[in-house]
Amino acid sequence: MNIRLQSAAFLLLATWLSAGHAAIRQIEQAFELGPAQVELPARPDAQLTVRPCAGCPIVALRVTAATRWYSSLSERQPAGQAAVLEIYRAASGNPQTLVHVFYEPQTLRVRRVVLDLPRATQPR
């Protein structure tokens, strides 16, 4: 292989490798919480508070009209805040009930809330 061909191959490889190193941005974080760890707001423009662990400080997250509310992990369409709150109130006595809160770490805005109910308490 002559020097020109080697140089061209090296330049092409270097260009290709540098294009593959895009910056990774964290666009979403999530909490998986039990009923004792989360307070869901009744209004669409309020704060949702979580305590990630027993010794952790309370974290206040912002709920907006754009927050999507799902009543189960398998649900494809949002059920709405009122429906999710009603289901959650009925199921929150069960310590196996979980709430998944997905939020933007930069703004602390909640993107979606998803219930994970034990089989016995799932709505039919």
PDB file of N, CA and C in Angstrom:
ATOM      1  N   MET A   1       0.848  -1.172   0.000  1.00  0.00           N
ATOM      2  CA  MET A   1       0.000   0.000   0.000  1.00  0.00           C
ATOM      3  C   MET A   1       0.894   1.234   0.000  1.00  0.00           C
ATOM      4  N   ASN A   2       0.648   2.155  -0.924  1.00  0.00           N
ATOM      5  CA  ASN A   2       1.506   3.334  -0.948  1.00  0.00           C
ATOM      6  C   ASN A   2       1.088   4.321   0.143  1.00  0.00           C
ATOM      7  N   ILE A   3       1.912   5.314   0.366  1.00  0.00           N
ATOM      8  CA  ILE A   3       1.713   6.266   1.458  1.00  0.00           C
ATOM      9  C   ILE A   3       0.444   7.099   1.277  1.00  0.00           C
ATOM     10  N   ARG A   4       0.097   7.440   0.030  1.00  0.00           N
ATOM     11  CA  ARG A   4      -1.122   8.230  -0.211  1.00  0.00           C
ATOM     12  C   ARG A   4      -2.367   7.426   0.157  1.00  0.00           C
ATOM     13  N   LEU A   5      -2.390   6.181  -0.226  1.00  0.00           N
ATOM     14  CA  LEU A   5      -3.537   5.326   0.067  1.00  0.00           C
ATOM     15  C   LEU A   5      -3.650   5.091   1.573  1.00  0.00           C
ATOM     16  N   GLN A   6      -2.528   4.892   2.235  1.00  0.00           N
ATOM     17  CA  GLN A   6      -2.544   4.724   3.688  1.00  0.00           C
ATOM     18  C   GLN A   6      -3.042   5.992   4.372  1.00  0.00           C
ATOM     19  N   SER A   7      -2.578   7.134   3.923  1.00  0.00           N
ATOM     20  CA  SER A   7      -3.003   8.412   4.507  1.00  0.00           C
ATOM     21  C   SER A   7      -4.492   8.636   4.301  1.00  0.00           C
ATOM     22  N   ALA A   8      -4.984   8.334   3.113  1.00  0.00           N
ATOM     23  CA  ALA A   8      -6.410   8.497   2.825  1.00  0.00           C
ATOM     24  C   ALA A   8      -7.246   7.557   3.693  1.00  0.00           C
ATOM     25  N   ALA A   9      -6.799   6.316   3.843  1.00  0.00           N
ATOM     26  CA  ALA A   9      -7.520   5.352   4.676  1.00  0.00           C
ATOM     27  C   ALA A   9      -7.527   5.800   6.135  1.00  0.00           C
ATOM     28  N   PHE A  10      -6.385   6.293   6.607  1.00  0.00           N
ATOM     29  CA  PHE A  10      -6.296   6.778   7.977  1.00  0.00           C
ATOM     30  C   PHE A  10      -7.210   7.980   8.194  1.00  0.00           C
ATOM     31  N   LEU A  11      -7.218   8.923   7.266  1.00  0.00           N
ATOM     32  CA  LEU A  11      -8.065  10.109   7.365  1.00  0.00           C
ATOM     33  C   LEU A  11      -9.541   9.729   7.356  1.00  0.00           C
ATOM     34  N   LEU A  12      -9.907   8.807   6.485  1.00  0.00           N
ATOM     35  CA  LEU A  12     -11.289   8.339   6.415  1.00  0.00           C
ATOM     36  C   LEU A  12     -11.693   7.656   7.722  1.00  0.00           C
ATOM     37  N   LEU A  13     -10.823   6.820   8.257  1.00  0.00           N
ATOM     38  CA  LEU A  13     -11.106   6.131   9.515  1.00  0.00           C
ATOM     39  C   LEU A  13     -11.227   7.128  10.671  1.00  0.00           C
ATOM     40  N   ALA A  14     -10.347   8.100  10.725  1.00  0.00           N
ATOM     41  CA  ALA A  14     -10.391   9.104  11.790  1.00  0.00           C
ATOM     42  C   ALA A  14     -11.676   9.921  11.721  1.00  0.00           C
ATOM     43  N   THR A  15     -12.101  10.282  10.517  1.00  0.00           N
ATOM     44  CA  THR A  15     -13.347  11.036  10.342  1.00  0.00           C
ATOM     45  C   THR A  15     -14.537  10.195  10.778  1.00  0.00           C
ATOM     46  N   TRP A  16     -14.548   8.943  10.388  1.00  0.00           N
ATOM     47  CA  TRP A  16     -15.659   8.056  10.732  1.00  0.00           C
ATOM     48  C   TRP A  16     -15.738   7.840  12.243  1.00  0.00           C
ATOM     49  N   LEU A  17     -14.609   7.631  12.901  1.00  0.00           N
ATOM     50  CA  LEU A  17     -14.597   7.400  14.343  1.00  0.00           C
ATOM     51  C   LEU A  17     -15.028   8.634  15.120  1.00  0.00           C
ATOM     52  N   SER A  18     -14.599   9.811  14.710  1.00  0.00           N
ATOM     53  CA  SER A  18     -14.964  11.023  15.449  1.00  0.00           C
ATOM     54  C   SER A  18     -16.451  11.325  15.316  1.00  0.00           C
ATOM     55  N   ALA A  19     -17.067  10.951  14.207  1.00  0.00           N
ATOM     56  CA  ALA A  19     -18.504  11.177  14.032  1.00  0.00           C
ATOM     57  C   ALA A  19     -19.316  10.276  14.948  1.00  0.00           C
ATOM     58  N   GLY A  20     -18.761   9.157  15.366  1.00  0.00           N
ATOM     59  CA  GLY A  20     -19.473   8.218  16.223  1.00  0.00           C
ATOM     60  C   GLY A  20     -19.442   8.575  17.696  1.00  0.00           C
ATOM     61  N   HIS A  21     -18.746   9.601  18.059  1.00  0.00           N
ATOM     62  CA  HIS A  21     -18.627   9.992  19.460  1.00  0.00           C
ATOM     63  C   HIS A  21     -19.480  11.216  19.760  1.00  0.00           C
ATOM     64  N   ALA A  22     -20.762  11.098  19.548  1.00  0.00           N
ATOM     65  CA  ALA A  22     -21.667  12.203  19.859  1.00  0.00           C
ATOM     66  C   ALA A  22     -21.821  12.308  21.372  1.00  0.00           C
ATOM     67  N   ALA A  23     -22.115  13.498  21.833  1.00  0.00           N
ATOM     68  CA  ALA A  23     -22.317  13.715  23.261  1.00  0.00           C
ATOM     69  C   ALA A  23     -23.588  13.005  23.720  1.00  0.00           C
ATOM     70  N   ILE A  24     -23.496  12.375  24.866  1.00  0.00           N
ATOM     71  CA  ILE A  24     -24.661  11.702  25.436  1.00  0.00           C
ATOM     72  C   ILE A  24     -25.314  12.657  26.425  1.00  0.00           C
ATOM     73  N   ARG A  25     -26.604  12.875  26.209  1.00  0.00           N
ATOM     74  CA  ARG A  25     -27.368  13.753  27.095  1.00  0.00           C
ATOM     75  C   ARG A  25     -28.386  12.919  27.855  1.00  0.00           C
ATOM     76  N   GLN A  26     -28.522  13.195  29.127  1.00  0.00           N
ATOM     77  CA  GLN A  26     -29.542  12.506  29.906  1.00  0.00           C
ATOM     78  C   GLN A  26     -30.818  13.330  29.803  1.00  0.00           C
ATOM     79  N   ILE A  27     -31.824  12.766  29.145  1.00  0.00           N
ATOM     80  CA  ILE A  27     -33.051  13.529  28.916  1.00  0.00           C
ATOM     81  C   ILE A  27     -34.151  13.189  29.910  1.00  0.00           C
ATOM     82  N   GLU A  28     -33.967  12.093  30.652  1.00  0.00           N
ATOM     83  CA  GLU A  28     -35.025  11.680  31.568  1.00  0.00           C
ATOM     84  C   GLU A  28     -34.444  10.836  32.696  1.00  0.00           C
ATOM     85  N   GLN A  29     -34.987  11.032  33.887  1.00  0.00           N
ATOM     86  CA  GLN A  29     -34.673  10.186  35.030  1.00  0.00           C
ATOM     87  C   GLN A  29     -35.993   9.665  35.578  1.00  0.00           C
ATOM     88  N   ALA A  30     -35.920   8.657  36.430  1.00  0.00           N
ATOM     89  CA  ALA A  30     -37.154   8.085  36.973  1.00  0.00           C
ATOM     90  C   ALA A  30     -36.966   7.654  38.414  1.00  0.00           C
ATOM     91  N   PHE A  31     -38.065   7.706  39.144  1.00  0.00           N
ATOM     92  CA  PHE A  31     -38.154   7.143  40.486  1.00  0.00           C
ATOM     93  C   PHE A  31     -39.152   6.000  40.430  1.00  0.00           C
ATOM     94  N   GLU A  32     -38.873   4.930  41.158  1.00  0.00           N
ATOM     95  CA  GLU A  32     -39.831   3.843  41.364  1.00  0.00           C
ATOM     96  C   GLU A  32     -40.138   3.873  42.852  1.00  0.00           C
ATOM     97  N   LEU A  33     -41.386   4.209  43.188  1.00  0.00           N
ATOM     98  CA  LEU A  33     -41.727   4.528  44.570  1.00  0.00           C
ATOM     99  C   LEU A  33     -42.915   3.737  45.080  1.00  0.00           C
ATOM    100  N   GLY A  34     -42.901   3.465  46.382  1.00  0.00           N
ATOM    101  CA  GLY A  34     -44.050   2.877  47.044  1.00  0.00           C
ATOM    102  C   GLY A  34     -44.990   3.980  47.501  1.00  0.00           C
ATOM    103  N   PRO A  35     -46.188   3.627  47.951  1.00  0.00           N
ATOM    104  CA  PRO A  35     -47.179   4.630  48.361  1.00  0.00           C
ATOM    105  C   PRO A  35     -46.689   5.576  49.459  1.00  0.00           C
ATOM    106  N   ALA A  36     -45.858   5.094  50.374  1.00  0.00           N
ATOM    107  CA  ALA A  36     -45.372   5.948  51.459  1.00  0.00           C
ATOM    108  C   ALA A  36     -44.319   6.950  50.992  1.00  0.00           C
ATOM    109  N   GLN A  37     -43.815   6.786  49.788  1.00  0.00           N
ATOM    110  CA  GLN A  37     -42.725   7.633  49.299  1.00  0.00           C
ATOM    111  C   GLN A  37     -43.172   8.747  48.357  1.00  0.00           C
ATOM    112  N   VAL A  38     -44.424   8.794  47.998  1.00  0.00           N
ATOM    113  CA  VAL A  38     -44.864   9.748  46.979  1.00  0.00           C
ATOM    114  C   VAL A  38     -46.184  10.404  47.370  1.00  0.00           C
ATOM    115  N   GLU A  39     -46.313  11.678  47.035  1.00  0.00           N
ATOM    116  CA  GLU A  39     -47.571  12.406  47.174  1.00  0.00           C
ATOM    117  C   GLU A  39     -47.950  12.921  45.801  1.00  0.00           C
ATOM    118  N   LEU A  40     -49.051  12.400  45.265  1.00  0.00           N
ATOM    119  CA  LEU A  40     -49.512  12.822  43.944  1.00  0.00           C
ATOM    120  C   LEU A  40     -50.421  14.036  44.089  1.00  0.00           C
ATOM    121  N   PRO A  41     -50.239  15.043  43.258  1.00  0.00           N
ATOM    122  CA  PRO A  41     -51.051  16.258  43.370  1.00  0.00           C
ATOM    123  C   PRO A  41     -52.447  16.074  42.776  1.00  0.00           C
ATOM    124  N   ALA A  42     -53.393  16.833  43.286  1.00  0.00           N
ATOM    125  CA  ALA A  42     -54.768  16.784  42.776  1.00  0.00           C
ATOM    126  C   ALA A  42     -54.966  17.738  41.602  1.00  0.00           C
ATOM    127  N   ARG A  43     -54.077  18.727  41.472  1.00  0.00           N
ATOM    128  CA  ARG A  43     -54.203  19.717  40.392  1.00  0.00           C
ATOM    129  C   ARG A  43     -53.182  19.429  39.294  1.00  0.00           C
ATOM    130  N   PRO A  44     -53.493  19.822  38.062  1.00  0.00           N
ATOM    131  CA  PRO A  44     -52.559  19.567  36.956  1.00  0.00           C
ATOM    132  C   PRO A  44     -51.340  20.494  36.940  1.00  0.00           C
ATOM    133  N   ASP A  45     -51.334  21.533  37.745  1.00  0.00           N
ATOM    134  CA  ASP A  45     -50.201  22.478  37.766  1.00  0.00           C
ATOM    135  C   ASP A  45     -49.698  22.627  39.203  1.00  0.00           C
ATOM    136  N   ALA A  46     -49.235  21.532  39.759  1.00  0.00           N
ATOM    137  CA  ALA A  46     -48.827  21.528  41.163  1.00  0.00           C
ATOM    138  C   ALA A  46     -47.499  20.795  41.320  1.00  0.00           C
ATOM    139  N   GLN A  47     -47.140  20.550  42.572  1.00  0.00           N
ATOM    140  CA  GLN A  47     -45.907  19.819  42.845  1.00  0.00           C
ATOM    141  C   GLN A  47     -46.218  18.382  43.225  1.00  0.00           C
ATOM    142  N   LEU A  48     -45.393  17.493  42.751  1.00  0.00           N
ATOM    143  CA  LEU A  48     -45.424  16.089  43.130  1.00  0.00           C
ATOM    144  C   LEU A  48     -44.195  15.907  44.007  1.00  0.00           C
ATOM    145  N   THR A  49     -44.377  15.418  45.225  1.00  0.00           N
ATOM    146  CA  THR A  49     -43.231  15.271  46.116  1.00  0.00           C
ATOM    147  C   THR A  49     -42.902  13.802  46.316  1.00  0.00           C
ATOM    148  N   VAL A  50     -41.603  13.530  46.370  1.00  0.00           N
ATOM    149  CA  VAL A  50     -41.131  12.162  46.570  1.00  0.00           C
ATOM    150  C   VAL A  50     -40.041  12.151  47.630  1.00  0.00           C
ATOM    151  N   ARG A  51     -39.969  11.037  48.338  1.00  0.00           N
ATOM    152  CA  ARG A  51     -38.859  10.777  49.256  1.00  0.00           C
ATOM    153  C   ARG A  51     -38.238   9.465  48.778  1.00  0.00           C
ATOM    154  N   PRO A  52     -37.147   9.558  47.998  1.00  0.00           N
ATOM    155  CA  PRO A  52     -36.563   8.369  47.367  1.00  0.00           C
ATOM    156  C   PRO A  52     -36.139   7.263  48.338  1.00  0.00           C
ATOM    157  N   CYS A  53     -35.733   7.642  49.554  1.00  0.00           N
ATOM    158  CA  CYS A  53     -35.348   6.641  50.554  1.00  0.00           C
ATOM    159  C   CYS A  53     -35.638   7.204  51.940  1.00  0.00           C
ATOM    160  N   ALA A  54     -35.573   6.364  52.957  1.00  0.00           N
ATOM    161  CA  ALA A  54     -35.933   6.786  54.316  1.00  0.00           C
ATOM    162  C   ALA A  54     -35.097   7.969  54.805  1.00  0.00           C
ATOM    163  N   GLY A  55     -33.824   7.993  54.514  1.00  0.00           N
ATOM    164  CA  GLY A  55     -32.960   9.076  54.973  1.00  0.00           C
ATOM    165  C   GLY A  55     -32.762  10.193  53.966  1.00  0.00           C
ATOM    166  N   CYS A  56     -33.406  10.087  52.818  1.00  0.00           N
ATOM    167  CA  CYS A  56     -33.223  11.073  51.743  1.00  0.00           C
ATOM    168  C   CYS A  56     -34.107  12.298  51.963  1.00  0.00           C
ATOM    169  N   PRO A  57     -33.655  13.455  51.496  1.00  0.00           N
ATOM    170  CA  PRO A  57     -34.518  14.638  51.566  1.00  0.00           C
ATOM    171  C   PRO A  57     -35.667  14.523  50.566  1.00  0.00           C
ATOM    172  N   ILE A  58     -36.725  15.262  50.836  1.00  0.00           N
ATOM    173  CA  ILE A  58     -37.875  15.290  49.930  1.00  0.00           C
ATOM    174  C   ILE A  58     -37.481  16.017  48.653  1.00  0.00           C
ATOM    175  N   VAL A  59     -37.908  15.484  47.522  1.00  0.00           N
ATOM    176  CA  VAL A  59     -37.663  16.095  46.216  1.00  0.00           C
ATOM    177  C   VAL A  59     -39.001  16.586  45.680  1.00  0.00           C
ATOM    178  N   ALA A  60     -39.057  17.853  45.299  1.00  0.00           N
ATOM    179  CA  ALA A  60     -40.278  18.427  44.727  1.00  0.00           C
ATOM    180  C   ALA A  60     -40.123  18.502  43.215  1.00  0.00           C
ATOM    181  N   LEU A  61     -41.048  17.878  42.506  1.00  0.00           N
ATOM    182  CA  LEU A  61     -41.054  17.874  41.046  1.00  0.00           C
ATOM    183  C   LEU A  61     -42.282  18.632  40.565  1.00  0.00           C
ATOM    184  N   ARG A  62     -42.190  19.221  39.386  1.00  0.00           N
ATOM    185  CA  ARG A  62     -43.264  20.063  38.859  1.00  0.00           C
ATOM    186  C   ARG A  62     -44.130  19.289  37.878  1.00  0.00           C
ATOM    187  N   VAL A  63     -45.436  19.236  38.187  1.00  0.00           N
ATOM    188  CA  VAL A  63     -46.421  18.627  37.298  1.00  0.00           C
ATOM    189  C   VAL A  63     -47.051  19.749  36.479  1.00  0.00           C
ATOM    190  N   THR A  64     -47.242  19.514  35.186  1.00  0.00           N
ATOM    191  CA  THR A  64     -47.864  20.510  34.311  1.00  0.00           C
ATOM    192  C   THR A  64     -49.011  19.861  33.546  1.00  0.00           C
ATOM    193  N   ALA A  65     -49.683  20.657  32.752  1.00  0.00           N
ATOM    194  CA  ALA A  65     -50.761  20.126  31.910  1.00  0.00           C
ATOM    195  C   ALA A  65     -50.214  19.133  30.880  1.00  0.00           C
ATOM    196  N   ALA A  66     -48.923  19.203  30.589  1.00  0.00           N
ATOM    197  CA  ALA A  66     -48.307  18.287  29.615  1.00  0.00           C
ATOM    198  C   ALA A  66     -47.926  16.937  30.230  1.00  0.00           C
ATOM    199  N   THR A  67     -47.994  16.810  31.547  1.00  0.00           N
ATOM    200  CA  THR A  67     -47.671  15.543  32.204  1.00  0.00           C
ATOM    201  C   THR A  67     -48.683  14.484  31.781  1.00  0.00           C
ATOM    202  N   ARG A  68     -48.186  13.316  31.410  1.00  0.00           N
ATOM    203  CA  ARG A  68     -49.076  12.211  31.004  1.00  0.00           C
ATOM    204  C   ARG A  68     -49.223  11.244  32.174  1.00  0.00           C
ATOM    205  N   TRP A  69     -50.450  10.784  32.374  1.00  0.00           N
ATOM    206  CA  TRP A  69     -50.795   9.918  33.500  1.00  0.00           C
ATOM    207  C   TRP A  69     -51.289   8.578  32.972  1.00  0.00           C
ATOM    208  N   TYR A  70     -50.617   7.476  33.376  1.00  0.00           N
ATOM    209  CA  TYR A  70     -50.970   6.130  32.922  1.00  0.00           C
ATOM    210  C   TYR A  70     -51.384   5.281  34.128  1.00  0.00           C
ATOM    211  N   SER A  71     -52.454   4.513  33.965  1.00  0.00           N
ATOM    212  CA  SER A  71     -52.946   3.697  35.077  1.00  0.00           C
ATOM    213  C   SER A  71     -52.285   2.325  35.155  1.00  0.00           C
ATOM    214  N   SER A  72     -51.469   1.957  34.162  1.00  0.00           N
ATOM    215  CA  SER A  72     -50.728   0.689  34.233  1.00  0.00           C
ATOM    216  C   SER A  72     -49.517   0.740  33.306  1.00  0.00           C
ATOM    217  N   LEU A  73     -48.597  -0.189  33.527  1.00  0.00           N
ATOM    218  CA  LEU A  73     -47.384  -0.246  32.709  1.00  0.00           C
ATOM    219  C   LEU A  73     -47.677  -0.626  31.264  1.00  0.00           C
ATOM    220  N   SER A  74     -48.743  -1.371  31.037  1.00  0.00           N
ATOM    221  CA  SER A  74     -49.052  -1.844  29.683  1.00  0.00           C
ATOM    222  C   SER A  74     -49.937  -0.884  28.897  1.00  0.00           C
ATOM    223  N   GLU A  75     -50.381   0.172  29.521  1.00  0.00           N
ATOM    224  CA  GLU A  75     -51.280   1.122  28.866  1.00  0.00           C
ATOM    225  C   GLU A  75     -50.536   1.939  27.812  1.00  0.00           C
ATOM    226  N   ARG A  76     -51.110   2.052  26.640  1.00  0.00           N
ATOM    227  CA  ARG A  76     -50.483   2.818  25.549  1.00  0.00           C
ATOM    228  C   ARG A  76     -50.964   4.265  25.516  1.00  0.00           C
ATOM    229  N   GLN A  77     -52.190   4.494  25.912  1.00  0.00           N
ATOM    230  CA  GLN A  77     -52.756   5.845  25.917  1.00  0.00           C
ATOM    231  C   GLN A  77     -52.894   6.327  27.359  1.00  0.00           C
ATOM    232  N   PRO A  78     -52.603   7.599  27.618  1.00  0.00           N
ATOM    233  CA  PRO A  78     -52.760   8.117  28.978  1.00  0.00           C
ATOM    234  C   PRO A  78     -54.214   8.030  29.434  1.00  0.00           C
ATOM    235  N   ALA A  79     -54.402   7.717  30.709  1.00  0.00           N
ATOM    236  CA  ALA A  79     -55.747   7.628  31.282  1.00  0.00           C
ATOM    237  C   ALA A  79     -56.212   8.975  31.810  1.00  0.00           C
ATOM    238  N   GLY A  80     -55.280   9.880  32.062  1.00  0.00           N
ATOM    239  CA  GLY A  80     -55.617  11.186  32.620  1.00  0.00           C
ATOM    240  C   GLY A  80     -55.364  11.214  34.120  1.00  0.00           C
ATOM    241  N   GLN A  81     -55.133  12.406  34.618  1.00  0.00           N
ATOM    242  CA  GLN A  81     -54.774  12.567  36.024  1.00  0.00           C
ATOM    243  C   GLN A  81     -55.894  12.129  36.961  1.00  0.00           C
ATOM    244  N   ALA A  82     -57.125  12.534  36.699  1.00  0.00           N
ATOM    245  CA  ALA A  82     -58.242  12.197  37.589  1.00  0.00           C
ATOM    246  C   ALA A  82     -58.429  10.686  37.696  1.00  0.00           C
ATOM    247  N   ALA A  83     -58.379   9.988  36.577  1.00  0.00           N
ATOM    248  CA  ALA A  83     -58.555   8.530  36.585  1.00  0.00           C
ATOM    249  C   ALA A  83     -57.419   7.846  37.333  1.00  0.00           C
ATOM    250  N   VAL A  84     -56.198   8.285  37.113  1.00  0.00           N
ATOM    251  CA  VAL A  84     -55.047   7.679  37.782  1.00  0.00           C
ATOM    252  C   VAL A  84     -55.115   7.929  39.287  1.00  0.00           C
ATOM    253  N   LEU A  85     -55.497   9.138  39.688  1.00  0.00           N
ATOM    254  CA  LEU A  85     -55.609   9.435  41.118  1.00  0.00           C
ATOM    255  C   LEU A  85     -56.673   8.569  41.783  1.00  0.00           C
ATOM    256  N   GLU A  86     -57.784   8.350  41.113  1.00  0.00           N
ATOM    257  CA  GLU A  86     -58.852   7.510  41.661  1.00  0.00           C
ATOM    258  C   GLU A  86     -58.369   6.066  41.841  1.00  0.00           C
ATOM    259  N   ILE A  87     -57.704   5.540  40.838  1.00  0.00           N
ATOM    260  CA  ILE A  87     -57.168   4.173  40.918  1.00  0.00           C
ATOM    261  C   ILE A  87     -56.093   4.087  42.002  1.00  0.00           C
ATOM    262  N   TYR A  88     -55.245   5.105  42.074  1.00  0.00           N
ATOM    263  CA  TYR A  88     -54.169   5.112  43.064  1.00  0.00           C
ATOM    264  C   TYR A  88     -54.729   5.143  44.484  1.00  0.00           C
ATOM    265  N   ARG A  89     -55.750   5.963  44.722  1.00  0.00           N
ATOM    266  CA  ARG A  89     -56.351   6.026  46.066  1.00  0.00           C
ATOM    267  C   ARG A  89     -56.874   4.656  46.495  1.00  0.00           C
ATOM    268  N   ALA A  90     -57.474   3.935  45.569  1.00  0.00           N
ATOM    269  CA  ALA A  90     -58.006   2.609  45.883  1.00  0.00           C
ATOM    270  C   ALA A  90     -56.887   1.593  46.123  1.00  0.00           C
ATOM    271  N   ALA A  91     -55.757   1.759  45.458  1.00  0.00           N
ATOM    272  CA  ALA A  91     -54.673   0.771  45.530  1.00  0.00           C
ATOM    273  C   ALA A  91     -53.553   1.149  46.489  1.00  0.00           C
ATOM    274  N   SER A  92     -53.532   2.380  46.990  1.00  0.00           N
ATOM    275  CA  SER A  92     -52.384   2.845  47.774  1.00  0.00           C
ATOM    276  C   SER A  92     -52.251   2.160  49.129  1.00  0.00           C
ATOM    277  N   GLY A  93     -53.284   1.468  49.590  1.00  0.00           N
ATOM    278  CA  GLY A  93     -53.175   0.724  50.838  1.00  0.00           C
ATOM    279  C   GLY A  93     -52.311  -0.520  50.708  1.00  0.00           C
ATOM    280  N   ASN A  94     -52.082  -0.956  49.498  1.00  0.00           N
ATOM    281  CA  ASN A  94     -51.264  -2.137  49.246  1.00  0.00           C
ATOM    282  C   ASN A  94     -49.807  -1.699  49.085  1.00  0.00           C
ATOM    283  N   PRO A  95     -48.905  -2.157  49.967  1.00  0.00           N
ATOM    284  CA  PRO A  95     -47.508  -1.729  49.867  1.00  0.00           C
ATOM    285  C   PRO A  95     -46.799  -2.210  48.602  1.00  0.00           C
ATOM    286  N   GLN A  96     -47.408  -3.146  47.874  1.00  0.00           N
ATOM    287  CA  GLN A  96     -46.806  -3.617  46.621  1.00  0.00           C
ATOM    288  C   GLN A  96     -47.127  -2.695  45.447  1.00  0.00           C
ATOM    289  N   THR A  97     -48.021  -1.747  45.649  1.00  0.00           N
ATOM    290  CA  THR A  97     -48.324  -0.766  44.607  1.00  0.00           C
ATOM    291  C   THR A  97     -47.087   0.098  44.383  1.00  0.00           C
ATOM    292  N   LEU A  98     -46.745   0.326  43.135  1.00  0.00           N
ATOM    293  CA  LEU A  98     -45.603   1.180  42.803  1.00  0.00           C
ATOM    294  C   LEU A  98     -46.047   2.315  41.897  1.00  0.00           C
ATOM    295  N   VAL A  99     -45.342   3.428  42.009  1.00  0.00           N
ATOM    296  CA  VAL A  99     -45.568   4.576  41.137  1.00  0.00           C
ATOM    297  C   VAL A  99     -44.236   4.895  40.475  1.00  0.00           C
ATOM    298  N   HIS A 100     -44.229   4.938  39.152  1.00  0.00           N
ATOM    299  CA  HIS A 100     -43.033   5.304  38.391  1.00  0.00           C
ATOM    300  C   HIS A 100     -43.200   6.759  37.967  1.00  0.00           C
ATOM    301  N   VAL A 101     -42.264   7.597  38.369  1.00  0.00           N
ATOM    302  CA  VAL A 101     -42.305   9.024  38.045  1.00  0.00           C
ATOM    303  C   VAL A 101     -41.115   9.325  37.146  1.00  0.00           C
ATOM    304  N   PHE A 102     -41.392   9.716  35.912  1.00  0.00           N
ATOM    305  CA  PHE A 102     -40.357  10.055  34.934  1.00  0.00           C
ATOM    306  C   PHE A 102     -40.297  11.573  34.819  1.00  0.00           C
ATOM    307  N   TYR A 103     -39.091  12.134  34.937  1.00  0.00           N
ATOM    308  CA  TYR A 103     -38.965  13.592  34.937  1.00  0.00           C
ATOM    309  C   TYR A 103     -37.687  14.035  34.231  1.00  0.00           C
ATOM    310  N   GLU A 104     -37.673  15.319  33.862  1.00  0.00           N
ATOM    311  CA  GLU A 104     -36.492  15.923  33.238  1.00  0.00           C
ATOM    312  C   GLU A 104     -35.561  16.402  34.346  1.00  0.00           C
ATOM    313  N   PRO A 105     -34.321  15.909  34.404  1.00  0.00           N
ATOM    314  CA  PRO A 105     -33.427  16.289  35.499  1.00  0.00           C
ATOM    315  C   PRO A 105     -33.030  17.769  35.493  1.00  0.00           C
ATOM    316  N   GLN A 106     -32.999  18.392  34.323  1.00  0.00           N
ATOM    317  CA  GLN A 106     -32.598  19.799  34.260  1.00  0.00           C
ATOM    318  C   GLN A 106     -33.684  20.730  34.800  1.00  0.00           C
ATOM    319  N   THR A 107     -34.951  20.420  34.514  1.00  0.00           N
ATOM    320  CA  THR A 107     -36.056  21.312  34.888  1.00  0.00           C
ATOM    321  C   THR A 107     -36.899  20.781  36.039  1.00  0.00           C
ATOM    322  N   LEU A 108     -36.727  19.517  36.394  1.00  0.00           N
ATOM    323  CA  LEU A 108     -37.538  18.831  37.411  1.00  0.00           C
ATOM    324  C   LEU A 108     -39.014  18.786  37.027  1.00  0.00           C
ATOM    325  N   ARG A 109     -39.291  18.846  35.729  1.00  0.00           N
ATOM    326  CA  ARG A 109     -40.672  18.749  35.235  1.00  0.00           C
ATOM    327  C   ARG A 109     -41.016  17.284  35.012  1.00  0.00           C
ATOM    328  N   VAL A 110     -42.171  16.871  35.548  1.00  0.00           N
ATOM    329  CA  VAL A 110     -42.623  15.485  35.407  1.00  0.00           C
ATOM    330  C   VAL A 110     -43.160  15.285  34.002  1.00  0.00           C
ATOM    331  N   ARG A 111     -42.646  14.291  33.317  1.00  0.00           N
ATOM    332  CA  ARG A 111     -43.107  13.972  31.960  1.00  0.00           C
ATOM    333  C   ARG A 111     -44.259  12.982  31.990  1.00  0.00           C
ATOM    334  N   ARG A 112     -44.152  11.962  32.883  1.00  0.00           N
ATOM    335  CA  ARG A 112     -45.252  11.001  32.992  1.00  0.00           C
ATOM    336  C   ARG A 112     -45.218  10.309  34.346  1.00  0.00           C
ATOM    337  N   VAL A 113     -46.409   9.875  34.753  1.00  0.00           N
ATOM    338  CA  VAL A 113     -46.604   9.111  35.982  1.00  0.00           C
ATOM    339  C   VAL A 113     -47.275   7.807  35.564  1.00  0.00           C
ATOM    340  N   VAL A 114     -46.713   6.679  36.006  1.00  0.00           N
ATOM    341  CA  VAL A 114     -47.230   5.366  35.606  1.00  0.00           C
ATOM    342  C   VAL A 114     -47.443   4.519  36.855  1.00  0.00           C
ATOM    343  N   LEU A 115     -48.659   3.998  37.018  1.00  0.00           N
ATOM    344  CA  LEU A 115     -48.946   3.101  38.138  1.00  0.00           C
ATOM    345  C   LEU A 115     -48.525   1.681  37.790  1.00  0.00           C
ATOM    346  N   ASP A 116     -48.035   0.976  38.785  1.00  0.00           N
ATOM    347  CA  ASP A 116     -47.682  -0.441  38.659  1.00  0.00           C
ATOM    348  C   ASP A 116     -48.404  -1.145  39.801  1.00  0.00           C
ATOM    349  N   LEU A 117     -49.585  -1.670  39.491  1.00  0.00           N
ATOM    350  CA  LEU A 117     -50.452  -2.244  40.517  1.00  0.00           C
ATOM    351  C   LEU A 117     -50.274  -3.750  40.632  1.00  0.00           C
ATOM    352  N   PRO A 118     -50.376  -4.278  41.863  1.00  0.00           N
ATOM    353  CA  PRO A 118     -50.406  -5.734  42.012  1.00  0.00           C
ATOM    354  C   PRO A 118     -51.642  -6.279  41.294  1.00  0.00           C
ATOM    355  N   ARG A 119     -51.574  -7.479  40.820  1.00  0.00           N
ATOM    356  CA  ARG A 119     -52.671  -8.063  40.024  1.00  0.00           C
ATOM    357  C   ARG A 119     -54.037  -7.952  40.693  1.00  0.00           C
ATOM    358  N   ALA A 120     -54.112  -8.184  41.984  1.00  0.00           N
ATOM    359  CA  ALA A 120     -55.408  -8.190  42.674  1.00  0.00           C
ATOM    360  C   ALA A 120     -56.085  -6.826  42.675  1.00  0.00           C
ATOM    361  N   THR A 121     -55.322  -5.737  42.537  1.00  0.00           N
ATOM    362  CA  THR A 121     -55.920  -4.400  42.597  1.00  0.00           C
ATOM    363  C   THR A 121     -56.029  -3.722  41.242  1.00  0.00           C
ATOM    364  N   GLN A 122     -55.670  -4.400  40.165  1.00  0.00           N
ATOM    365  CA  GLN A 122     -55.744  -3.780  38.842  1.00  0.00           C
ATOM    366  C   GLN A 122     -57.192  -3.597  38.420  1.00  0.00           C
ATOM    367  N   PRO A 123     -57.515  -2.426  37.815  1.00  0.00           N
ATOM    368  CA  PRO A 123     -58.879  -2.205  37.339  1.00  0.00           C
ATOM    369  C   PRO A 123     -59.187  -3.106  36.154  1.00  0.00           C
ATOM    370  N   ARG A 124     -60.412  -3.489  36.019  1.00  0.00           N
ATOM    371  CA  ARG A 124     -60.824  -4.358  34.903  1.00  0.00           C
ATOM    372  C   ARG A 124     -61.421  -3.537  33.794  1.00  0.00           C
TER     373      ARG A 124
END
